[in-house]
Amino acid sequence: NDEAEEETEEANNKNDEAEAETGRDGDAEAEVETETVTDEHNEEETNNEITENPMTTGTVAPPLLPPTYARKKAISSDSKLESAALSFLAKIVSIESCRKALMSDTHFIATLSLLAKDTTSFDLQLQATAFLSQVAPFATNIKMEGAVSTTELAEAFIEVLQVQTLPLSKSKGSEVNANSLKSIAAEGLAVIFDDTPEEHQEKAIRAVISSWMSIIKKNTVQRNTGSESDQRDSARLAYGLSILLARASSMGALRKILADMELLKSMIHVVEWRYDSKASNNDQMYWEVSVSNSIQHLSSVICATEESQKVLGVSVKALVSTILTMARPGKAPRKTCDFSTALRRVVETKRDLSGAAAAERILKRILH
């Protein structure tokens, strides 16, 4: 009996240990389940904190923007601020004390020159170029402390004229365009051109010729004139470029470059276009001067000796037979009046007396 009681007691002890172990496992599972529920609850609260606007409970905030978009937006915002700062500085650069303070920073002009060449932000590029154009009258031939050199400015302006494509604003009514940028560069270059080293003068004129031929082709052959602001600035650009071409024509070292046949034909095209019977009178002032400068340059080449024309590779016969063919949207292209007819109209209308005198001189040479 005693042995049976001991075995029964031992069995009861084992059952108690098993129940205790089961109880501990149940408590552990309950704790784990409680923690999971708590974590899920905390995560839900966290999500609610992210998606709920504390100012308007229940309103879901927009999703987070991609990092690239946010970065571009930040760059755009910085560019606008920098553009505004440069616009302000350009207005006070004529004040000597302000100008000296700005020029005393050796990195300032170098930075602006880089910005004028950088097409990442058009507004910033435009303001940087405008500032350099404003400071051009105060440039010196030799780099001096507290001043900017003509070489530095020439390099920046040439780079701007050589730009082919720009990231322009697509918004309606935008007043900025590539022509406005290049016209500012041309104006600045005209100020310093005579005081620029000869090697930079040649490089500058090549850039000017390329820009001139491009803008004339756009307005005559292609008739791709764009918005009103683009048309206005293209006329202003053509005027600025024609001034530089007229200035360079008196320099013997640039004579051969300025006798390029394609350049001369583009000048004939602009004369034929503006004196065609169906020509418009838009932006007449700038185009009239551009035509006048073109006729003056053509007269100096066409009325030169045959020997010099041969050396320069000029064919007067090819020039006289050049007739502009203009594109017409939705219609077949049409030819304008020929060069001789255009010159006669220049003489007869006398809209430009200087041009009329040069036109008369050319007519005497090519008709006799």
Protein backbone atom coordinates (compact mmCIF):
# COMPACT_ATOMS: atom_id res chain seq x y z
CA ASN A 1 0.00 0.00 0.00
CA ASP A 2 2.80 2.39 0.90
CA GLU A 3 4.46 1.77 -2.46
CA ALA A 4 1.16 2.37 -4.28
CA GLU A 5 0.65 5.67 -2.44
CA GLU A 6 4.22 6.80 -3.35
CA GLU A 7 3.66 5.99 -7.02
CA THR A 8 0.34 7.86 -6.98
CA GLU A 9 1.98 10.91 -5.37
CA GLU A 10 4.83 10.84 -7.87
CA ALA A 11 2.33 10.72 -10.76
CA ASN A 12 0.43 13.67 -9.31
CA ASN A 13 3.66 15.68 -9.05
CA LYS A 14 4.44 15.00 -12.70
CA ASN A 15 0.94 16.14 -13.69
CA ASP A 16 1.41 19.37 -11.69
CA GLU A 17 4.78 20.04 -13.44
CA ALA A 18 3.19 19.42 -16.86
CA GLU A 19 0.33 21.81 -16.09
CA ALA A 20 2.81 24.43 -14.87
CA GLU A 21 4.86 24.06 -18.06
CA THR A 22 1.72 24.34 -20.18
CA GLY A 23 0.74 27.47 -18.27
CA ARG A 24 4.11 29.07 -18.90
CA ASP A 25 3.89 28.30 -22.64
CA GLY A 26 0.41 29.80 -22.77
CA ASP A 27 1.57 32.95 -21.02
CA ALA A 28 4.48 33.29 -23.45
CA GLU A 29 2.20 32.87 -26.45
CA ALA A 30 -0.22 35.39 -24.98
CA GLU A 31 2.65 37.86 -24.49
CA VAL A 32 3.81 37.37 -28.08
CA GLU A 33 0.27 37.82 -29.38
CA THR A 34 -0.16 40.92 -27.21
CA GLU A 35 3.11 42.38 -28.55
CA THR A 36 2.02 41.66 -32.14
CA VAL A 37 -1.30 43.34 -31.59
CA THR A 38 0.45 46.27 -29.91
CA ASP A 39 2.93 46.59 -32.80
CA GLU A 40 0.12 46.49 -35.34
CA HIS A 41 -1.74 49.12 -33.34
CA ASN A 42 1.38 51.32 -33.10
CA GLU A 43 2.01 50.93 -36.84
CA GLU A 44 -1.60 51.88 -37.57
CA GLU A 45 -1.25 54.94 -35.35
CA THR A 46 2.01 55.84 -37.08
CA ASN A 47 0.37 55.54 -40.49
CA ASN A 48 -2.50 57.66 -39.29
CA GLU A 49 -0.03 60.28 -38.12
CA ILE A 50 1.61 60.30 -41.57
CA THR A 51 -1.57 60.40 -43.62
CA GLU A 52 -3.61 62.69 -41.39
CA ASN A 53 -3.15 66.42 -41.53
CA PRO A 54 -3.18 67.72 -37.91
CA MET A 55 -4.73 70.98 -39.14
CA THR A 56 -7.61 69.22 -40.94
CA THR A 57 -8.21 65.85 -39.29
CA GLY A 58 -9.26 63.21 -41.76
CA THR A 59 -7.67 64.93 -44.79
CA VAL A 60 -5.14 62.68 -46.50
CA ALA A 61 -1.92 64.42 -47.52
CA PRO A 62 -0.61 63.95 -51.07
CA PRO A 63 1.96 61.19 -51.59
CA LEU A 64 5.64 62.02 -51.18
CA LEU A 65 7.27 63.30 -54.37
CA PRO A 66 10.12 61.36 -55.97
CA PRO A 67 13.57 62.62 -54.87
CA THR A 68 14.49 63.64 -58.44
CA TYR A 69 11.42 65.86 -58.76
CA ALA A 70 12.03 67.41 -55.36
CA ARG A 71 15.64 68.08 -56.27
CA LYS A 72 14.69 69.69 -59.59
CA LYS A 73 12.12 71.85 -57.81
CA ALA A 74 14.77 72.97 -55.30
CA ILE A 75 17.18 73.82 -58.13
CA SER A 76 14.43 75.75 -59.93
CA SER A 77 13.64 77.69 -56.76
CA ASP A 78 17.32 78.52 -56.22
CA SER A 79 17.69 79.61 -59.85
CA LYS A 80 14.79 82.03 -59.52
CA LEU A 81 16.35 83.57 -56.42
CA GLU A 82 19.77 83.84 -58.08
CA SER A 83 18.22 85.31 -61.23
CA ALA A 84 16.45 87.98 -59.17
CA ALA A 85 19.71 88.79 -57.37
CA LEU A 86 21.60 89.17 -60.66
CA SER A 87 18.82 91.35 -62.08
CA PHE A 88 19.22 93.68 -59.11
CA LEU A 89 23.02 93.74 -59.36
CA ALA A 90 22.82 94.58 -63.08
CA LYS A 91 20.86 97.72 -62.20
CA ILE A 92 23.47 99.03 -59.75
CA VAL A 93 26.62 98.08 -61.67
CA SER A 94 26.79 101.59 -63.19
CA ILE A 95 27.45 102.98 -59.69
CA GLU A 96 31.23 103.04 -59.35
CA SER A 97 31.43 102.08 -55.68
CA CYS A 98 29.05 99.14 -56.20
CA ARG A 99 30.91 98.04 -59.31
CA LYS A 100 34.29 98.07 -57.58
CA ALA A 101 32.89 96.09 -54.68
CA LEU A 102 31.60 93.43 -57.07
CA MET A 103 34.73 93.35 -59.22
CA SER A 104 36.97 93.00 -56.15
CA ASP A 105 35.78 89.40 -55.88
CA THR A 106 38.10 87.54 -58.25
CA HIS A 107 35.68 84.64 -58.63
CA PHE A 108 32.56 86.69 -59.34
CA ILE A 109 33.04 87.36 -63.07
CA ALA A 110 34.46 83.88 -63.63
CA THR A 111 31.33 82.40 -62.07
CA LEU A 112 29.05 84.61 -64.18
CA SER A 113 30.94 83.60 -67.32
CA LEU A 114 30.26 79.97 -66.50
CA LEU A 115 26.59 80.69 -65.83
CA ALA A 116 26.29 82.52 -69.16
CA LYS A 117 27.47 79.34 -70.91
CA ASP A 118 25.36 76.97 -68.80
CA THR A 119 22.02 76.04 -70.37
CA THR A 120 20.64 74.26 -67.28
CA SER A 121 18.54 77.26 -66.26
CA PHE A 122 17.57 79.67 -69.03
CA ASP A 123 16.48 82.47 -66.66
CA LEU A 124 19.78 82.32 -64.81
CA GLN A 125 21.73 82.20 -68.08
CA LEU A 126 19.78 85.21 -69.36
CA GLN A 127 20.44 87.30 -66.22
CA ALA A 128 24.12 86.34 -66.14
CA THR A 129 24.51 87.42 -69.79
CA ALA A 130 22.59 90.64 -69.12
CA PHE A 131 24.89 91.47 -66.20
CA LEU A 132 28.01 90.89 -68.31
CA SER A 133 26.54 93.10 -71.03
CA GLN A 134 25.90 95.84 -68.47
CA VAL A 135 29.48 95.71 -67.19
CA ALA A 136 30.98 95.69 -70.74
CA PRO A 137 31.45 99.50 -70.94
CA PHE A 138 33.76 99.32 -67.92
CA ALA A 139 35.95 96.47 -69.23
CA THR A 140 39.70 96.92 -69.76
CA ASN A 141 42.07 95.49 -72.38
CA ILE A 142 44.33 94.05 -69.70
CA LYS A 143 43.11 92.18 -66.66
CA MET A 144 43.29 94.57 -63.70
CA GLU A 145 42.27 94.35 -60.08
CA GLY A 146 38.73 95.61 -59.61
CA ALA A 147 37.91 95.38 -63.34
CA VAL A 148 36.83 92.82 -65.91
CA SER A 149 38.83 92.23 -69.10
CA THR A 150 37.45 92.40 -72.64
CA THR A 151 38.84 88.90 -73.26
CA GLU A 152 36.78 87.41 -70.42
CA LEU A 153 33.62 89.04 -71.70
CA ALA A 154 34.29 88.16 -75.35
CA GLU A 155 34.69 84.48 -74.48
CA ALA A 156 31.39 84.47 -72.59
CA PHE A 157 29.47 86.32 -75.35
CA ILE A 158 30.88 84.03 -78.05
CA GLU A 159 29.77 80.96 -76.12
CA VAL A 160 26.24 82.36 -75.87
CA LEU A 161 26.07 83.06 -79.63
CA GLN A 162 27.22 79.50 -80.34
CA VAL A 163 24.44 77.90 -78.27
CA GLN A 164 22.17 75.85 -80.55
CA THR A 165 19.38 74.62 -78.26
CA LEU A 166 17.96 75.99 -75.02
CA PRO A 167 15.49 74.60 -72.44
CA LEU A 168 12.88 77.34 -72.83
CA SER A 169 9.64 77.78 -70.94
CA LYS A 170 6.62 76.20 -72.64
CA SER A 171 4.08 78.35 -70.80
CA LYS A 172 1.79 80.56 -72.87
CA GLY A 173 2.73 84.19 -72.99
CA SER A 174 6.38 83.52 -72.12
CA GLU A 175 8.54 86.46 -73.15
CA VAL A 176 11.87 84.66 -73.01
CA ASN A 177 13.44 82.98 -76.03
CA ALA A 178 16.82 82.16 -77.53
CA ASN A 179 16.80 85.34 -79.63
CA SER A 180 16.45 87.56 -76.55
CA LEU A 181 19.48 85.87 -74.98
CA LYS A 182 21.62 86.14 -78.12
CA SER A 183 20.63 89.75 -78.80
CA ILE A 184 21.90 90.71 -75.32
CA ALA A 185 25.17 88.90 -76.03
CA ALA A 186 25.50 90.67 -79.40
CA GLU A 187 24.96 94.07 -77.77
CA GLY A 188 27.65 93.36 -75.19
CA LEU A 189 30.05 92.08 -77.83
CA ALA A 190 29.57 95.22 -79.94
CA VAL A 191 30.76 97.34 -77.00
CA ILE A 192 34.07 95.50 -76.53
CA PHE A 193 34.73 94.21 -80.07
CA ASP A 194 37.32 96.81 -81.11
CA ASP A 195 39.27 96.29 -77.87
CA THR A 196 39.27 92.50 -78.10
CA PRO A 197 42.44 90.59 -79.11
CA GLU A 198 42.59 89.71 -82.82
CA GLU A 199 42.23 85.96 -82.30
CA HIS A 200 39.05 86.54 -80.31
CA GLN A 201 37.75 88.95 -82.96
CA GLU A 202 37.98 86.23 -85.61
CA LYS A 203 36.29 83.69 -83.36
CA ALA A 204 33.60 86.23 -82.51
CA ILE A 205 32.86 87.07 -86.15
CA ARG A 206 32.55 83.41 -87.06
CA ALA A 207 29.98 83.03 -84.29
CA VAL A 208 28.21 86.20 -85.48
CA ILE A 209 28.08 84.96 -89.09
CA SER A 210 26.66 81.61 -88.01
CA SER A 211 23.96 83.31 -85.90
CA TRP A 212 23.16 85.79 -88.68
CA MET A 213 22.70 83.12 -91.34
CA SER A 214 20.55 81.08 -88.97
CA ILE A 215 18.22 83.95 -88.05
CA ILE A 216 17.85 85.10 -91.68
CA LYS A 217 17.06 81.56 -92.83
CA LYS A 218 14.49 81.20 -90.07
CA ASN A 219 12.71 84.41 -91.09
CA THR A 220 12.95 84.05 -94.87
CA VAL A 221 13.42 80.52 -96.21
CA GLN A 222 11.73 78.62 -93.37
CA ARG A 223 9.30 81.33 -92.23
CA ASN A 224 9.43 79.76 -88.78
CA THR A 225 9.10 82.96 -86.77
CA GLY A 226 7.34 81.69 -83.63
CA SER A 227 5.55 83.94 -81.13
CA GLU A 228 5.32 87.73 -81.29
CA SER A 229 8.10 88.11 -78.72
CA ASP A 230 10.25 85.69 -80.74
CA GLN A 231 9.66 87.72 -83.91
CA ARG A 232 10.46 90.97 -82.14
CA ASP A 233 13.66 89.59 -80.63
CA SER A 234 14.74 87.99 -83.91
CA ALA A 235 14.58 91.44 -85.55
CA ARG A 236 16.54 92.92 -82.68
CA LEU A 237 19.10 90.11 -82.91
CA ALA A 238 19.50 90.58 -86.68
CA TYR A 239 20.12 94.28 -86.10
CA GLY A 240 22.78 93.60 -83.43
CA LEU A 241 24.54 91.05 -85.61
CA SER A 242 24.49 93.36 -88.66
CA ILE A 243 26.15 96.07 -86.56
CA LEU A 244 28.99 93.68 -85.71
CA LEU A 245 29.37 92.62 -89.35
CA ALA A 246 29.52 96.25 -90.44
CA ARG A 247 32.10 96.97 -87.75
CA ALA A 248 34.27 94.03 -88.81
CA SER A 249 34.13 94.88 -92.52
CA SER A 250 36.69 97.65 -91.99
CA MET A 251 39.24 95.19 -90.55
CA GLY A 252 41.55 93.75 -93.20
CA ALA A 253 42.27 90.59 -91.21
CA LEU A 254 38.59 89.62 -91.32
CA ARG A 255 37.99 90.52 -94.96
CA LYS A 256 38.12 86.97 -96.35
CA ILE A 257 35.78 85.63 -93.65
CA LEU A 258 33.26 88.36 -94.45
CA ALA A 259 33.41 87.55 -98.17
CA ASP A 260 31.99 84.08 -97.64
CA MET A 261 29.49 83.39 -100.42
CA GLU A 262 26.83 81.93 -98.13
CA LEU A 263 26.99 85.02 -95.93
CA LEU A 264 26.65 87.30 -98.95
CA LYS A 265 23.69 85.30 -100.28
CA SER A 266 21.94 85.56 -96.90
CA MET A 267 22.38 89.35 -97.08
CA ILE A 268 20.83 89.36 -100.56
CA HIS A 269 17.96 87.26 -99.24
CA VAL A 270 17.15 89.75 -96.50
CA VAL A 271 17.11 92.60 -99.06
CA GLU A 272 14.83 90.63 -101.40
CA TRP A 273 12.54 89.67 -98.53
CA ARG A 274 12.11 93.15 -97.07
CA TYR A 275 11.61 94.77 -100.48
CA ASP A 276 9.29 92.12 -101.83
CA SER A 277 5.85 93.43 -102.77
CA LYS A 278 4.17 91.19 -100.17
CA ALA A 279 6.59 91.88 -97.33
CA SER A 280 5.15 92.75 -93.92
CA ASN A 281 6.09 95.87 -91.98
CA ASN A 282 6.57 94.12 -88.63
CA ASP A 283 9.54 95.31 -86.56
CA GLN A 284 10.42 97.64 -89.41
CA MET A 285 13.03 99.74 -87.58
CA TYR A 286 15.38 96.85 -86.75
CA TRP A 287 14.95 95.13 -90.10
CA GLU A 288 15.43 98.39 -92.04
CA VAL A 289 18.81 98.93 -90.37
CA SER A 290 19.76 95.29 -90.93
CA VAL A 291 18.94 95.65 -94.65
CA SER A 292 20.86 98.90 -94.87
CA ASN A 293 23.96 97.36 -93.27
CA SER A 294 23.66 94.39 -95.62
CA ILE A 295 23.50 96.61 -98.72
CA GLN A 296 26.53 98.59 -97.54
CA HIS A 297 28.55 95.41 -97.07
CA LEU A 298 27.41 93.97 -100.41
CA SER A 299 28.41 97.15 -102.20
CA SER A 300 31.94 96.98 -100.77
CA VAL A 301 32.34 93.41 -102.07
CA ILE A 302 30.51 93.64 -105.40
CA CYS A 303 32.03 96.98 -106.33
CA ALA A 304 35.61 95.88 -105.58
CA THR A 305 38.18 94.94 -108.23
CA GLU A 306 37.81 91.66 -110.10
CA GLU A 307 41.26 90.64 -108.88
CA SER A 308 40.32 91.02 -105.21
CA GLN A 309 37.03 89.18 -105.84
CA LYS A 310 38.96 86.32 -107.37
CA VAL A 311 41.30 86.16 -104.37
CA LEU A 312 38.35 86.17 -101.99
CA GLY A 313 36.45 83.58 -104.03
CA VAL A 314 33.53 85.88 -104.80
CA SER A 315 31.35 85.28 -107.88
CA VAL A 316 29.30 88.38 -108.67
CA LYS A 317 27.35 86.45 -111.30
CA ALA A 318 26.26 83.85 -108.72
CA LEU A 319 25.28 86.58 -106.28
CA VAL A 320 23.17 88.52 -108.78
CA SER A 321 21.29 85.37 -109.82
CA THR A 322 20.37 84.53 -106.22
CA ILE A 323 16.60 84.59 -105.67
CA LEU A 324 14.95 83.87 -102.35
CA THR A 325 12.36 81.06 -102.25
CA MET A 326 10.09 81.53 -99.25
CA ALA A 327 8.12 78.81 -97.48
CA ARG A 328 4.38 79.39 -97.03
CA PRO A 329 2.58 77.24 -94.44
CA GLY A 330 -0.18 75.29 -96.18
CA LYS A 331 0.81 76.62 -99.59
CA ALA A 332 3.48 76.02 -102.18
CA PRO A 333 6.75 77.96 -101.71
CA ARG A 334 7.10 81.10 -103.81
CA LYS A 335 9.97 83.18 -105.11
CA THR A 336 10.42 86.83 -104.19
CA CYS A 337 11.61 89.54 -106.53
CA ASP A 338 15.17 89.16 -107.80
CA PHE A 339 18.13 91.12 -106.43
CA SER A 340 18.14 93.78 -109.16
CA THR A 341 14.43 94.49 -108.69
CA ALA A 342 14.86 94.71 -104.94
CA LEU A 343 17.72 97.20 -105.36
CA ARG A 344 15.62 99.36 -107.69
CA ARG A 345 12.90 99.48 -105.08
CA VAL A 346 15.45 100.52 -102.46
CA VAL A 347 16.43 103.43 -104.70
CA GLU A 348 12.86 104.37 -105.66
CA THR A 349 11.23 104.22 -102.23
CA LYS A 350 14.11 105.96 -100.46
CA ARG A 351 13.00 104.43 -97.16
CA ASP A 352 16.68 104.35 -96.33
CA LEU A 353 18.80 107.05 -97.99
CA SER A 354 22.12 105.48 -97.07
CA GLY A 355 20.96 102.13 -98.42
CA ALA A 356 19.54 103.78 -101.54
CA ALA A 357 22.90 105.33 -102.39
CA ALA A 358 24.70 101.99 -101.92
CA ALA A 359 22.00 100.17 -103.94
CA GLU A 360 22.43 102.61 -106.81
CA ARG A 361 26.15 101.96 -106.77
CA ILE A 362 25.63 98.18 -106.97
CA LEU A 363 23.13 98.57 -109.86
CA LYS A 364 25.62 100.58 -111.89
CA ARG A 365 28.22 97.82 -111.43
CA ILE A 366 26.05 94.79 -112.22
CA LEU A 367 24.08 96.33 -115.12
CA HIS A 368 27.06 97.61 -117.09
